[in-house]
Structures are given as structure tokens and as C-alpha cells.
Amino acid sequence: MLVAIALQLLLPKRVTAGPTWLLPALEGVLLFWLVVGTPNTVEEEHVARRRAAIGITALVSAANVYSLVRLSDQLLHKGPSNGRQLIIAGALIWLTNVLIFALWYWQADRGGPGRRAAGRDGPPDFLYPQMNDDRIEPAGWRPTFIDYLYLSLTNAAAFSPTDTMPLTPLAKSVMGAQSLVSLVTVALVVSRAVNILT
């Protein structure tokens, strides 16, 4: 979450909501209170903490989509001349997209990290290759955050699942939303910025 907030601070002012520092500062304060109220290890489900984590993730997601809409508007209607700045802004939005959706997957799968840690998780929302063959990993294998980050990266790069399949409507919806944001970022923003440079 800290990396996503830092990436937002690097965005040009013309693609952010209000002053460049305002939304990241609010997100930082919320994150600080979440960290203060969270133990070093997650051992059980905590409803208020989960709601706060989902709220912060939603806020950063909304800010990222807003930045994408503003950047797209700049490219389509205002004809900006600084192509390098647009490429950087597009890359920052895409990277933030990868990080934020990794958090969404982390929060969504099997009822969230608290339920997974407590052993009261439900059926999986994602089918990882390790879950298909006990010779790869032992039975009862659970994904860690790096697995969700990799899932997010491959989905953002390929605009579709690669080795991990969504199983539930929630997983399919979240992956579809990420693919859409990524596709718009790469196809419209970055390609238009490259055109401006050439």
C-alpha cells in the first residue's frame, strides 16, 4: 500500500484529484491507523480491520481510476505536448494498478487473510497450479502475498488469466476490472504518448 501511495505522489498534478499530496496524505493517515491496530502476524479474522483495509484499497483504486480518466482526457481532448511525462504517468498508473489488484486478490480469496490464517477459510476463489498436484506442494497449500502479486502482474500484462484461474464470480469480476484498467492504460495512454514522442 505504501508503494502505491508513493506512486500516486509521483503523478503529474494535472491527472490527480486536488493537490497532488492531498489524497496520498489521507490514505497514509488511514494506513497508519490500520497498521497501529494490526498485530505483527495475522492469526484470526478481525471484521473492523478487514473493512478498513478494503476501504483503503477502494480509495486508492478510485484515485488510480480517476488519474487514468484524467490522463485519457488530456490525451484525447487537450493534445498535450509533453509525451515523456505522459509515458511516465501511464507507467505509474499501470504499476499502481498491479499493486492495488494484488491487494484486492489478497483480500478476496477464501474470505480474506484473517480467515485463511484462522483456518476458517472457504473454498478458493483462485485455482493455482500448486493446488492441482500434491507433488508440487503439499495438500493444504495456501497462496501468500507474492502469489497474489504475481497473479496481478500477469493479469495486467496479458489482460487475462495465465496460470491461475478465477473460480468464483467475484474473482472473475475483479480480474476483469483489472484487465480493463490495464488495457485502457496500455492501449490508449501509452500508445498515444509514444505517438506524441515520434
N, C-alpha and C. Protein backbone atom coordinates (compact mmCIF):
# COMPACT_ATOMS: atom_id res chain seq x y z
N MET A 1 0.83 -1.19 0.00
CA MET A 1 0.00 0.00 0.00
C MET A 1 0.87 1.26 0.00
N LEU A 2 1.98 1.21 0.76
CA LEU A 2 2.89 2.36 0.79
C LEU A 2 3.48 2.65 -0.59
N VAL A 3 3.82 1.61 -1.32
CA VAL A 3 4.38 1.80 -2.67
C VAL A 3 3.33 2.43 -3.58
N ALA A 4 2.08 1.97 -3.49
CA ALA A 4 1.01 2.55 -4.31
C ALA A 4 0.80 4.02 -3.98
N ILE A 5 0.85 4.36 -2.71
CA ILE A 5 0.71 5.77 -2.30
C ILE A 5 1.88 6.60 -2.82
N ALA A 6 3.08 6.04 -2.74
CA ALA A 6 4.27 6.75 -3.25
C ALA A 6 4.16 6.97 -4.76
N LEU A 7 3.66 5.99 -5.48
CA LEU A 7 3.49 6.15 -6.93
C LEU A 7 2.49 7.26 -7.24
N GLN A 8 1.44 7.37 -6.43
CA GLN A 8 0.47 8.46 -6.63
C GLN A 8 1.11 9.83 -6.45
N LEU A 9 2.05 9.92 -5.51
CA LEU A 9 2.73 11.20 -5.28
C LEU A 9 3.58 11.63 -6.48
N LEU A 10 4.00 10.66 -7.29
CA LEU A 10 4.83 10.96 -8.45
C LEU A 10 4.03 11.38 -9.68
N LEU A 11 2.71 11.22 -9.63
CA LEU A 11 1.88 11.58 -10.78
C LEU A 11 1.88 13.09 -11.00
N PRO A 12 1.79 13.52 -12.27
CA PRO A 12 1.67 14.95 -12.54
C PRO A 12 0.38 15.52 -11.95
N LYS A 13 0.42 16.78 -11.54
CA LYS A 13 -0.72 17.42 -10.89
C LYS A 13 -1.97 17.41 -11.76
N ARG A 14 -1.80 17.50 -13.07
CA ARG A 14 -2.97 17.60 -13.96
C ARG A 14 -3.78 16.31 -14.05
N VAL A 15 -3.27 15.21 -13.49
CA VAL A 15 -4.04 13.95 -13.53
C VAL A 15 -4.45 13.48 -12.13
N THR A 16 -4.29 14.34 -11.12
CA THR A 16 -4.67 13.95 -9.76
C THR A 16 -5.90 14.76 -9.31
N ALA A 17 -6.59 14.22 -8.32
CA ALA A 17 -7.75 14.90 -7.75
C ALA A 17 -7.26 15.88 -6.69
N GLY A 18 -7.44 17.17 -6.94
CA GLY A 18 -6.99 18.17 -5.97
C GLY A 18 -5.47 18.28 -5.95
N PRO A 19 -4.92 18.83 -4.87
CA PRO A 19 -3.46 18.90 -4.77
C PRO A 19 -2.85 17.50 -4.79
N THR A 20 -1.68 17.36 -5.37
CA THR A 20 -1.03 16.06 -5.54
C THR A 20 -0.86 15.32 -4.22
N TRP A 21 -0.65 16.03 -3.14
CA TRP A 21 -0.36 15.42 -1.84
C TRP A 21 -1.60 15.05 -1.05
N LEU A 22 -2.78 15.63 -1.39
CA LEU A 22 -3.96 15.50 -0.53
C LEU A 22 -4.46 14.06 -0.37
N LEU A 23 -4.75 13.39 -1.47
CA LEU A 23 -5.28 12.03 -1.38
C LEU A 23 -4.25 11.05 -0.81
N PRO A 24 -2.98 11.09 -1.26
CA PRO A 24 -1.99 10.21 -0.63
C PRO A 24 -1.81 10.47 0.87
N ALA A 25 -1.95 11.73 1.30
CA ALA A 25 -1.84 12.02 2.73
C ALA A 25 -3.00 11.39 3.50
N LEU A 26 -4.20 11.49 2.95
CA LEU A 26 -5.37 10.86 3.59
C LEU A 26 -5.19 9.35 3.64
N GLU A 27 -4.75 8.77 2.54
CA GLU A 27 -4.51 7.32 2.50
C GLU A 27 -3.43 6.92 3.50
N GLY A 28 -2.39 7.75 3.62
CA GLY A 28 -1.32 7.47 4.57
C GLY A 28 -1.81 7.48 6.01
N VAL A 29 -2.68 8.44 6.35
CA VAL A 29 -3.23 8.50 7.70
C VAL A 29 -4.08 7.26 7.98
N LEU A 30 -4.94 6.89 7.03
CA LEU A 30 -5.75 5.69 7.20
C LEU A 30 -4.88 4.44 7.33
N LEU A 31 -3.85 4.37 6.52
CA LEU A 31 -2.94 3.22 6.59
C LEU A 31 -2.21 3.18 7.92
N PHE A 32 -1.80 4.34 8.42
CA PHE A 32 -1.13 4.40 9.72
C PHE A 32 -2.03 3.82 10.81
N TRP A 33 -3.29 4.23 10.85
CA TRP A 33 -4.21 3.72 11.87
C TRP A 33 -4.48 2.22 11.69
N LEU A 34 -4.47 1.78 10.45
CA LEU A 34 -4.64 0.35 10.20
C LEU A 34 -3.43 -0.44 10.71
N VAL A 35 -2.23 0.07 10.46
CA VAL A 35 -1.01 -0.60 10.90
C VAL A 35 -0.93 -0.61 12.43
N VAL A 36 -1.28 0.51 13.07
CA VAL A 36 -1.24 0.58 14.53
C VAL A 36 -2.19 -0.45 15.14
N GLY A 37 -3.32 -0.68 14.50
CA GLY A 37 -4.30 -1.61 15.05
C GLY A 37 -4.12 -3.05 14.61
N THR A 38 -3.06 -3.33 13.86
CA THR A 38 -2.84 -4.68 13.34
C THR A 38 -1.67 -5.34 14.06
N PRO A 39 -1.85 -6.57 14.51
CA PRO A 39 -0.72 -7.28 15.12
C PRO A 39 0.33 -7.65 14.07
N ASN A 40 1.52 -8.05 14.55
CA ASN A 40 2.60 -8.41 13.63
C ASN A 40 2.25 -9.61 12.75
N THR A 41 1.49 -10.54 13.27
CA THR A 41 1.05 -11.68 12.48
C THR A 41 -0.46 -11.76 12.51
N VAL A 42 -1.02 -12.13 11.38
CA VAL A 42 -2.47 -12.28 11.30
C VAL A 42 -2.80 -13.69 11.77
N GLU A 43 -3.58 -13.79 12.82
CA GLU A 43 -3.92 -15.10 13.38
C GLU A 43 -5.41 -15.39 13.37
N GLU A 44 -6.21 -14.36 13.21
CA GLU A 44 -7.65 -14.56 13.22
C GLU A 44 -8.33 -13.45 12.43
N GLU A 45 -9.58 -13.68 12.11
CA GLU A 45 -10.36 -12.69 11.37
C GLU A 45 -10.73 -11.53 12.29
N HIS A 46 -10.58 -10.33 11.80
CA HIS A 46 -10.95 -9.13 12.53
C HIS A 46 -11.77 -8.27 11.57
N VAL A 47 -13.08 -8.21 11.79
CA VAL A 47 -14.00 -7.59 10.83
C VAL A 47 -13.70 -6.11 10.61
N ALA A 48 -13.48 -5.34 11.68
CA ALA A 48 -13.23 -3.90 11.52
C ALA A 48 -11.93 -3.64 10.77
N ARG A 49 -10.90 -4.42 11.08
CA ARG A 49 -9.61 -4.25 10.39
C ARG A 49 -9.76 -4.61 8.91
N ARG A 50 -10.50 -5.66 8.61
CA ARG A 50 -10.72 -6.06 7.21
C ARG A 50 -11.48 -4.98 6.46
N ARG A 51 -12.50 -4.41 7.10
CA ARG A 51 -13.25 -3.33 6.44
C ARG A 51 -12.37 -2.11 6.19
N ALA A 52 -11.50 -1.79 7.14
CA ALA A 52 -10.58 -0.66 6.96
C ALA A 52 -9.62 -0.93 5.81
N ALA A 53 -9.09 -2.15 5.73
CA ALA A 53 -8.17 -2.50 4.65
C ALA A 53 -8.86 -2.43 3.30
N ILE A 54 -10.08 -2.93 3.23
CA ILE A 54 -10.84 -2.87 1.98
C ILE A 54 -11.17 -1.42 1.63
N GLY A 55 -11.48 -0.60 2.64
CA GLY A 55 -11.76 0.82 2.40
C GLY A 55 -10.56 1.56 1.83
N ILE A 56 -9.38 1.33 2.39
CA ILE A 56 -8.17 1.98 1.88
C ILE A 56 -7.87 1.51 0.47
N THR A 57 -8.01 0.21 0.24
CA THR A 57 -7.77 -0.34 -1.10
C THR A 57 -8.75 0.27 -2.10
N ALA A 58 -10.01 0.42 -1.72
CA ALA A 58 -11.01 1.03 -2.60
C ALA A 58 -10.67 2.49 -2.88
N LEU A 59 -10.22 3.21 -1.86
CA LEU A 59 -9.86 4.62 -2.05
C LEU A 59 -8.69 4.77 -3.03
N VAL A 60 -7.66 3.95 -2.87
CA VAL A 60 -6.51 4.02 -3.79
C VAL A 60 -6.94 3.59 -5.19
N SER A 61 -7.82 2.58 -5.28
CA SER A 61 -8.31 2.14 -6.59
C SER A 61 -9.07 3.26 -7.28
N ALA A 62 -9.95 3.93 -6.55
CA ALA A 62 -10.72 5.03 -7.13
C ALA A 62 -9.80 6.17 -7.58
N ALA A 63 -8.80 6.47 -6.78
CA ALA A 63 -7.85 7.53 -7.15
C ALA A 63 -7.09 7.15 -8.42
N ASN A 64 -6.73 5.87 -8.54
CA ASN A 64 -5.99 5.42 -9.72
C ASN A 64 -6.87 5.49 -10.97
N VAL A 65 -8.12 5.07 -10.85
CA VAL A 65 -9.04 5.14 -11.99
C VAL A 65 -9.29 6.61 -12.36
N TYR A 66 -9.43 7.47 -11.36
CA TYR A 66 -9.61 8.90 -11.64
C TYR A 66 -8.41 9.45 -12.42
N SER A 67 -7.21 9.08 -11.99
CA SER A 67 -6.00 9.54 -12.69
C SER A 67 -5.98 9.03 -14.12
N LEU A 68 -6.42 7.79 -14.33
CA LEU A 68 -6.46 7.23 -15.68
C LEU A 68 -7.46 8.00 -16.55
N VAL A 69 -8.63 8.32 -15.99
CA VAL A 69 -9.64 9.07 -16.74
C VAL A 69 -9.10 10.46 -17.09
N ARG A 70 -8.47 11.12 -16.12
CA ARG A 70 -7.90 12.47 -16.38
C ARG A 70 -6.80 12.41 -17.43
N LEU A 71 -5.95 11.41 -17.35
CA LEU A 71 -4.87 11.27 -18.32
C LEU A 71 -5.43 10.99 -19.71
N SER A 72 -6.44 10.13 -19.79
CA SER A 72 -7.08 9.84 -21.07
C SER A 72 -7.71 11.10 -21.65
N ASP A 73 -8.36 11.90 -20.80
CA ASP A 73 -8.96 13.15 -21.24
C ASP A 73 -7.89 14.11 -21.78
N GLN A 74 -6.77 14.18 -21.08
CA GLN A 74 -5.66 15.04 -21.53
C GLN A 74 -5.19 14.60 -22.92
N LEU A 75 -5.09 13.30 -23.13
CA LEU A 75 -4.59 12.79 -24.40
C LEU A 75 -5.59 12.98 -25.54
N LEU A 76 -6.86 12.73 -25.25
CA LEU A 76 -7.87 12.76 -26.31
C LEU A 76 -8.35 14.16 -26.67
N HIS A 77 -8.43 15.06 -25.67
CA HIS A 77 -9.07 16.35 -25.92
C HIS A 77 -8.15 17.56 -25.84
N LYS A 78 -7.07 17.45 -25.15
CA LYS A 78 -6.24 18.63 -24.95
C LYS A 78 -4.95 18.58 -25.76
N GLY A 79 -4.59 17.42 -26.30
CA GLY A 79 -3.39 17.31 -27.12
C GLY A 79 -2.13 17.80 -26.44
N PRO A 80 -1.77 17.26 -25.26
CA PRO A 80 -0.60 17.73 -24.56
C PRO A 80 0.67 17.47 -25.36
N SER A 81 1.66 18.28 -25.13
CA SER A 81 2.90 18.17 -25.90
C SER A 81 3.99 17.41 -25.17
N ASN A 82 3.86 17.19 -23.90
CA ASN A 82 4.91 16.52 -23.14
C ASN A 82 4.68 15.01 -23.10
N GLY A 83 5.14 14.32 -24.16
CA GLY A 83 4.94 12.88 -24.28
C GLY A 83 5.66 12.08 -23.22
N ARG A 84 6.86 12.52 -22.83
CA ARG A 84 7.61 11.80 -21.80
C ARG A 84 6.86 11.79 -20.47
N GLN A 85 6.28 12.91 -20.11
CA GLN A 85 5.52 12.99 -18.87
C GLN A 85 4.30 12.06 -18.92
N LEU A 86 3.69 11.94 -20.10
CA LEU A 86 2.53 11.06 -20.26
C LEU A 86 2.93 9.59 -20.15
N ILE A 87 4.07 9.24 -20.72
CA ILE A 87 4.54 7.85 -20.62
C ILE A 87 4.81 7.51 -19.16
N ILE A 88 5.44 8.42 -18.45
CA ILE A 88 5.73 8.20 -17.03
C ILE A 88 4.42 8.07 -16.24
N ALA A 89 3.47 8.97 -16.51
CA ALA A 89 2.18 8.91 -15.80
C ALA A 89 1.46 7.60 -16.11
N GLY A 90 1.47 7.17 -17.38
CA GLY A 90 0.85 5.90 -17.75
C GLY A 90 1.50 4.72 -17.05
N ALA A 91 2.83 4.74 -16.98
CA ALA A 91 3.55 3.65 -16.30
C ALA A 91 3.23 3.64 -14.80
N LEU A 92 3.15 4.81 -14.18
CA LEU A 92 2.82 4.88 -12.75
C LEU A 92 1.41 4.37 -12.48
N ILE A 93 0.47 4.72 -13.34
CA ILE A 93 -0.91 4.25 -13.19
C ILE A 93 -0.95 2.73 -13.36
N TRP A 94 -0.21 2.20 -14.33
CA TRP A 94 -0.20 0.75 -14.57
C TRP A 94 0.41 0.01 -13.38
N LEU A 95 1.52 0.52 -12.86
CA LEU A 95 2.16 -0.12 -11.70
C LEU A 95 1.25 -0.07 -10.46
N THR A 96 0.59 1.06 -10.27
CA THR A 96 -0.35 1.17 -9.15
C THR A 96 -1.48 0.17 -9.33
N ASN A 97 -1.94 0.01 -10.55
CA ASN A 97 -2.98 -0.97 -10.86
C ASN A 97 -2.54 -2.38 -10.45
N VAL A 98 -1.31 -2.75 -10.75
CA VAL A 98 -0.79 -4.08 -10.38
C VAL A 98 -0.79 -4.25 -8.86
N LEU A 99 -0.28 -3.26 -8.15
CA LEU A 99 -0.20 -3.35 -6.69
C LEU A 99 -1.59 -3.40 -6.04
N ILE A 100 -2.47 -2.54 -6.49
CA ILE A 100 -3.80 -2.46 -5.88
C ILE A 100 -4.59 -3.74 -6.10
N PHE A 101 -4.52 -4.28 -7.30
CA PHE A 101 -5.28 -5.51 -7.54
C PHE A 101 -4.68 -6.71 -6.84
N ALA A 102 -3.39 -6.70 -6.58
CA ALA A 102 -2.80 -7.76 -5.74
C ALA A 102 -3.44 -7.70 -4.35
N LEU A 103 -3.65 -6.48 -3.85
CA LEU A 103 -4.33 -6.34 -2.55
C LEU A 103 -5.79 -6.79 -2.61
N TRP A 104 -6.46 -6.50 -3.73
CA TRP A 104 -7.85 -6.97 -3.88
C TRP A 104 -7.90 -8.49 -3.86
N TYR A 105 -6.98 -9.13 -4.58
CA TYR A 105 -6.96 -10.60 -4.60
C TYR A 105 -6.66 -11.15 -3.22
N TRP A 106 -5.72 -10.52 -2.52
CA TRP A 106 -5.34 -10.93 -1.16
C TRP A 106 -6.55 -10.85 -0.23
N GLN A 107 -7.32 -9.77 -0.36
CA GLN A 107 -8.48 -9.58 0.50
C GLN A 107 -9.66 -10.47 0.11
N ALA A 108 -9.79 -10.83 -1.16
CA ALA A 108 -10.96 -11.56 -1.63
C ALA A 108 -10.84 -13.07 -1.45
N ASP A 109 -9.67 -13.63 -1.70
CA ASP A 109 -9.52 -15.07 -1.76
C ASP A 109 -9.87 -15.75 -0.44
N ARG A 110 -10.79 -16.69 -0.50
CA ARG A 110 -11.19 -17.53 0.63
C ARG A 110 -11.70 -16.74 1.84
N GLY A 111 -12.19 -15.54 1.62
CA GLY A 111 -12.73 -14.76 2.73
C GLY A 111 -11.74 -13.82 3.38
N GLY A 112 -10.53 -13.72 2.84
CA GLY A 112 -9.55 -12.77 3.35
C GLY A 112 -8.45 -13.40 4.17
N PRO A 113 -7.42 -12.61 4.46
CA PRO A 113 -6.25 -13.15 5.18
C PRO A 113 -6.54 -13.61 6.59
N GLY A 114 -7.48 -12.96 7.27
CA GLY A 114 -7.81 -13.36 8.64
C GLY A 114 -8.44 -14.75 8.68
N ARG A 115 -9.36 -14.99 7.78
CA ARG A 115 -9.99 -16.32 7.72
C ARG A 115 -8.99 -17.38 7.30
N ARG A 116 -8.12 -17.05 6.35
CA ARG A 116 -7.11 -18.02 5.94
C ARG A 116 -6.19 -18.36 7.09
N ALA A 117 -5.76 -17.33 7.84
CA ALA A 117 -4.85 -17.55 8.97
C ALA A 117 -5.50 -18.35 10.09
N ALA A 118 -6.79 -18.14 10.29
CA ALA A 118 -7.50 -18.85 11.36
C ALA A 118 -7.90 -20.26 10.95
N GLY A 119 -7.70 -20.60 9.66
CA GLY A 119 -8.07 -21.92 9.20
C GLY A 119 -9.56 -22.08 8.99
N ARG A 120 -10.29 -20.96 8.92
CA ARG A 120 -11.74 -21.00 8.71
C ARG A 120 -12.10 -20.48 7.33
N ASP A 121 -11.18 -20.63 6.40
CA ASP A 121 -11.43 -20.11 5.07
C ASP A 121 -12.37 -21.01 4.29
N GLY A 122 -13.02 -20.41 3.32
CA GLY A 122 -13.95 -21.14 2.48
C GLY A 122 -13.25 -21.72 1.28
N PRO A 123 -14.02 -22.09 0.28
CA PRO A 123 -13.41 -22.62 -0.93
C PRO A 123 -12.60 -21.55 -1.64
N PRO A 124 -11.59 -21.94 -2.40
CA PRO A 124 -10.73 -20.95 -3.05
C PRO A 124 -11.46 -20.17 -4.14
N ASP A 125 -11.06 -18.91 -4.30
CA ASP A 125 -11.56 -18.08 -5.39
C ASP A 125 -10.68 -18.21 -6.62
N PHE A 126 -9.43 -18.66 -6.41
CA PHE A 126 -8.46 -18.81 -7.49
C PHE A 126 -7.88 -20.21 -7.45
N LEU A 127 -7.67 -20.79 -8.63
CA LEU A 127 -7.06 -22.11 -8.73
C LEU A 127 -5.61 -21.94 -9.19
N TYR A 128 -4.69 -22.10 -8.26
CA TYR A 128 -3.26 -22.01 -8.56
C TYR A 128 -2.75 -23.37 -9.01
N PRO A 129 -1.69 -23.42 -9.83
CA PRO A 129 -1.14 -24.70 -10.27
C PRO A 129 -0.73 -25.60 -9.11
N GLN A 130 -0.26 -25.03 -8.02
CA GLN A 130 0.17 -25.82 -6.86
C GLN A 130 -0.98 -26.60 -6.24
N MET A 131 -2.21 -26.17 -6.49
CA MET A 131 -3.37 -26.82 -5.90
C MET A 131 -3.80 -28.05 -6.71
N ASN A 132 -3.24 -28.22 -7.90
CA ASN A 132 -3.64 -29.33 -8.78
C ASN A 132 -2.81 -30.58 -8.59
N ASP A 133 -1.63 -30.45 -7.98
CA ASP A 133 -0.72 -31.60 -7.91
C ASP A 133 -0.01 -31.59 -6.57
N ASP A 134 -0.28 -32.58 -5.74
CA ASP A 134 0.34 -32.65 -4.42
C ASP A 134 1.84 -32.92 -4.50
N ARG A 135 2.35 -33.30 -5.67
CA ARG A 135 3.80 -33.50 -5.82
C ARG A 135 4.53 -32.16 -5.90
N ILE A 136 3.82 -31.11 -6.31
CA ILE A 136 4.44 -29.78 -6.39
C ILE A 136 4.49 -29.15 -5.01
N GLU A 137 3.36 -29.11 -4.36
CA GLU A 137 3.23 -28.58 -3.00
C GLU A 137 2.37 -29.55 -2.19
N PRO A 138 2.53 -29.57 -0.88
CA PRO A 138 1.71 -30.49 -0.08
C PRO A 138 0.24 -30.09 -0.10
N ALA A 139 -0.61 -31.07 0.19
CA ALA A 139 -2.05 -30.79 0.29
C ALA A 139 -2.27 -29.70 1.34
N GLY A 140 -3.21 -28.82 1.09
CA GLY A 140 -3.48 -27.74 2.03
C GLY A 140 -2.62 -26.51 1.77
N TRP A 141 -1.89 -26.48 0.64
CA TRP A 141 -1.08 -25.30 0.30
C TRP A 141 -1.97 -24.08 0.20
N ARG A 142 -1.46 -22.93 0.71
CA ARG A 142 -2.17 -21.66 0.63
C ARG A 142 -1.27 -20.62 -0.04
N PRO A 143 -1.85 -19.80 -0.92
CA PRO A 143 -1.04 -18.75 -1.54
C PRO A 143 -0.62 -17.70 -0.52
N THR A 144 0.52 -17.08 -0.76
CA THR A 144 0.99 -15.95 0.05
C THR A 144 0.84 -14.67 -0.79
N PHE A 145 1.21 -13.55 -0.22
CA PHE A 145 1.02 -12.29 -0.95
C PHE A 145 1.77 -12.27 -2.27
N ILE A 146 2.95 -12.87 -2.34
CA ILE A 146 3.71 -12.88 -3.59
C ILE A 146 2.94 -13.60 -4.70
N ASP A 147 2.16 -14.61 -4.33
CA ASP A 147 1.35 -15.31 -5.32
C ASP A 147 0.26 -14.39 -5.88
N TYR A 148 -0.34 -13.58 -5.01
CA TYR A 148 -1.37 -12.64 -5.47
C TYR A 148 -0.74 -11.52 -6.30
N LEU A 149 0.46 -11.09 -5.93
CA LEU A 149 1.16 -10.06 -6.70
C LEU A 149 1.50 -10.59 -8.09
N TYR A 150 1.97 -11.82 -8.16
CA TYR A 150 2.28 -12.42 -9.46
C TYR A 150 1.02 -12.56 -10.31
N LEU A 151 -0.08 -12.99 -9.69
CA LEU A 151 -1.36 -13.10 -10.39
C LEU A 151 -1.76 -11.74 -10.96
N SER A 152 -1.62 -10.69 -10.16
CA SER A 152 -1.97 -9.35 -10.60
C SER A 152 -1.08 -8.89 -11.75
N LEU A 153 0.22 -9.14 -11.65
CA LEU A 153 1.16 -8.73 -12.71
C LEU A 153 0.84 -9.43 -14.02
N THR A 154 0.64 -10.74 -13.98
CA THR A 154 0.37 -11.47 -15.22
C THR A 154 -0.98 -11.09 -15.81
N ASN A 155 -1.98 -10.85 -14.97
CA ASN A 155 -3.28 -10.43 -15.47
C ASN A 155 -3.20 -9.05 -16.11
N ALA A 156 -2.43 -8.15 -15.50
CA ALA A 156 -2.29 -6.79 -16.05
C ALA A 156 -1.50 -6.79 -17.36
N ALA A 157 -0.54 -7.71 -17.48
CA ALA A 157 0.29 -7.75 -18.68
C ALA A 157 -0.39 -8.50 -19.82
N ALA A 158 -1.13 -9.56 -19.50
CA ALA A 158 -1.75 -10.38 -20.55
C ALA A 158 -3.21 -10.04 -20.77
N PHE A 159 -3.82 -9.23 -19.90
CA PHE A 159 -5.24 -8.87 -19.95
C PHE A 159 -6.13 -10.11 -19.78
N SER A 160 -5.59 -11.16 -19.19
CA SER A 160 -6.35 -12.39 -18.98
C SER A 160 -5.59 -13.26 -17.99
N PRO A 161 -6.23 -14.30 -17.44
CA PRO A 161 -5.51 -15.19 -16.54
C PRO A 161 -4.44 -15.96 -17.31
N THR A 162 -3.36 -16.26 -16.65
CA THR A 162 -2.30 -17.04 -17.29
C THR A 162 -2.28 -18.44 -16.69
N ASP A 163 -1.65 -18.61 -15.53
CA ASP A 163 -1.59 -19.94 -14.93
C ASP A 163 -2.56 -20.12 -13.77
N THR A 164 -3.16 -19.03 -13.31
CA THR A 164 -4.09 -19.09 -12.18
C THR A 164 -5.49 -18.72 -12.68
N MET A 165 -6.43 -19.60 -12.45
CA MET A 165 -7.78 -19.41 -12.97
C MET A 165 -8.73 -18.87 -11.90
N PRO A 166 -9.56 -17.87 -12.26
CA PRO A 166 -10.59 -17.42 -11.33
C PRO A 166 -11.71 -18.45 -11.28
N LEU A 167 -12.20 -18.75 -10.09
CA LEU A 167 -13.23 -19.78 -9.93
C LEU A 167 -14.60 -19.21 -9.60
N THR A 168 -14.64 -18.08 -8.93
CA THR A 168 -15.91 -17.53 -8.46
C THR A 168 -16.28 -16.28 -9.25
N PRO A 169 -17.55 -15.90 -9.23
CA PRO A 169 -17.95 -14.65 -9.90
C PRO A 169 -17.18 -13.43 -9.38
N LEU A 170 -16.90 -13.39 -8.07
CA LEU A 170 -16.13 -12.27 -7.51
C LEU A 170 -14.74 -12.22 -8.13
N ALA A 171 -14.05 -13.36 -8.17
CA ALA A 171 -12.70 -13.40 -8.73
C ALA A 171 -12.71 -13.01 -10.20
N LYS A 172 -13.69 -13.49 -10.94
CA LYS A 172 -13.78 -13.16 -12.37
C LYS A 172 -14.05 -11.67 -12.56
N SER A 173 -14.91 -11.10 -11.72
CA SER A 173 -15.23 -9.67 -11.83
C SER A 173 -14.02 -8.80 -11.53
N VAL A 174 -13.29 -9.14 -10.47
CA VAL A 174 -12.12 -8.34 -10.10
C VAL A 174 -11.04 -8.45 -11.16
N MET A 175 -10.80 -9.67 -11.67
CA MET A 175 -9.80 -9.83 -12.72
C MET A 175 -10.22 -9.10 -13.99
N GLY A 176 -11.51 -9.12 -14.30
CA GLY A 176 -11.99 -8.40 -15.48
C GLY A 176 -11.80 -6.90 -15.34
N ALA A 177 -12.09 -6.38 -14.16
CA ALA A 177 -11.90 -4.94 -13.92
C ALA A 177 -10.43 -4.56 -14.07
N GLN A 178 -9.54 -5.39 -13.51
CA GLN A 178 -8.12 -5.10 -13.64
C GLN A 178 -7.68 -5.13 -15.10
N SER A 179 -8.13 -6.12 -15.85
CA SER A 179 -7.77 -6.20 -17.26
C SER A 179 -8.24 -4.98 -18.03
N LEU A 180 -9.43 -4.50 -17.72
CA LEU A 180 -9.97 -3.32 -18.40
C LEU A 180 -9.12 -2.08 -18.11
N VAL A 181 -8.80 -1.85 -16.84
CA VAL A 181 -7.97 -0.70 -16.48
C VAL A 181 -6.60 -0.81 -17.14
N SER A 182 -6.03 -2.00 -17.12
CA SER A 182 -4.71 -2.21 -17.72
C SER A 182 -4.75 -2.01 -19.23
N LEU A 183 -5.79 -2.53 -19.87
CA LEU A 183 -5.92 -2.39 -21.32
C LEU A 183 -6.03 -0.93 -21.72
N VAL A 184 -6.86 -0.17 -21.02
CA VAL A 184 -7.00 1.26 -21.33
C VAL A 184 -5.67 1.98 -21.11
N THR A 185 -5.00 1.66 -20.02
CA THR A 185 -3.72 2.31 -19.74
C THR A 185 -2.70 2.04 -20.83
N VAL A 186 -2.54 0.78 -21.18
CA VAL A 186 -1.52 0.42 -22.16
C VAL A 186 -1.92 0.83 -23.56
N ALA A 187 -3.14 0.47 -23.98
CA ALA A 187 -3.55 0.71 -25.37
C ALA A 187 -3.75 2.18 -25.68
N LEU A 188 -4.45 2.88 -24.83
CA LEU A 188 -4.78 4.27 -25.13
C LEU A 188 -3.69 5.23 -24.68
N VAL A 189 -3.36 5.20 -23.42
CA VAL A 189 -2.48 6.21 -22.85
C VAL A 189 -1.05 6.04 -23.35
N VAL A 190 -0.47 4.87 -23.15
CA VAL A 190 0.94 4.70 -23.50
C VAL A 190 1.14 4.77 -25.01
N SER A 191 0.26 4.14 -25.80
CA SER A 191 0.45 4.20 -27.25
C SER A 191 0.28 5.61 -27.78
N ARG A 192 -0.66 6.37 -27.21
CA ARG A 192 -0.83 7.77 -27.65
C ARG A 192 0.37 8.62 -27.24
N ALA A 193 0.91 8.35 -26.06
CA ALA A 193 2.08 9.10 -25.62
C ALA A 193 3.29 8.80 -26.52
N VAL A 194 3.43 7.55 -26.94
CA VAL A 194 4.52 7.19 -27.86
C VAL A 194 4.34 7.92 -29.18
N ASN A 195 3.09 8.03 -29.66
CA ASN A 195 2.82 8.78 -30.89
C ASN A 195 3.24 10.23 -30.76
N ILE A 196 3.01 10.82 -29.59
CA ILE A 196 3.39 12.21 -29.37
C ILE A 196 4.90 12.36 -29.45
N LEU A 197 5.62 11.36 -28.95
CA LEU A 197 7.08 11.43 -28.96
C LEU A 197 7.66 11.30 -30.35
N THR A 198 6.99 10.56 -31.24
CA THR A 198 7.56 10.34 -32.58
C THR A 198 7.14 11.36 -33.58
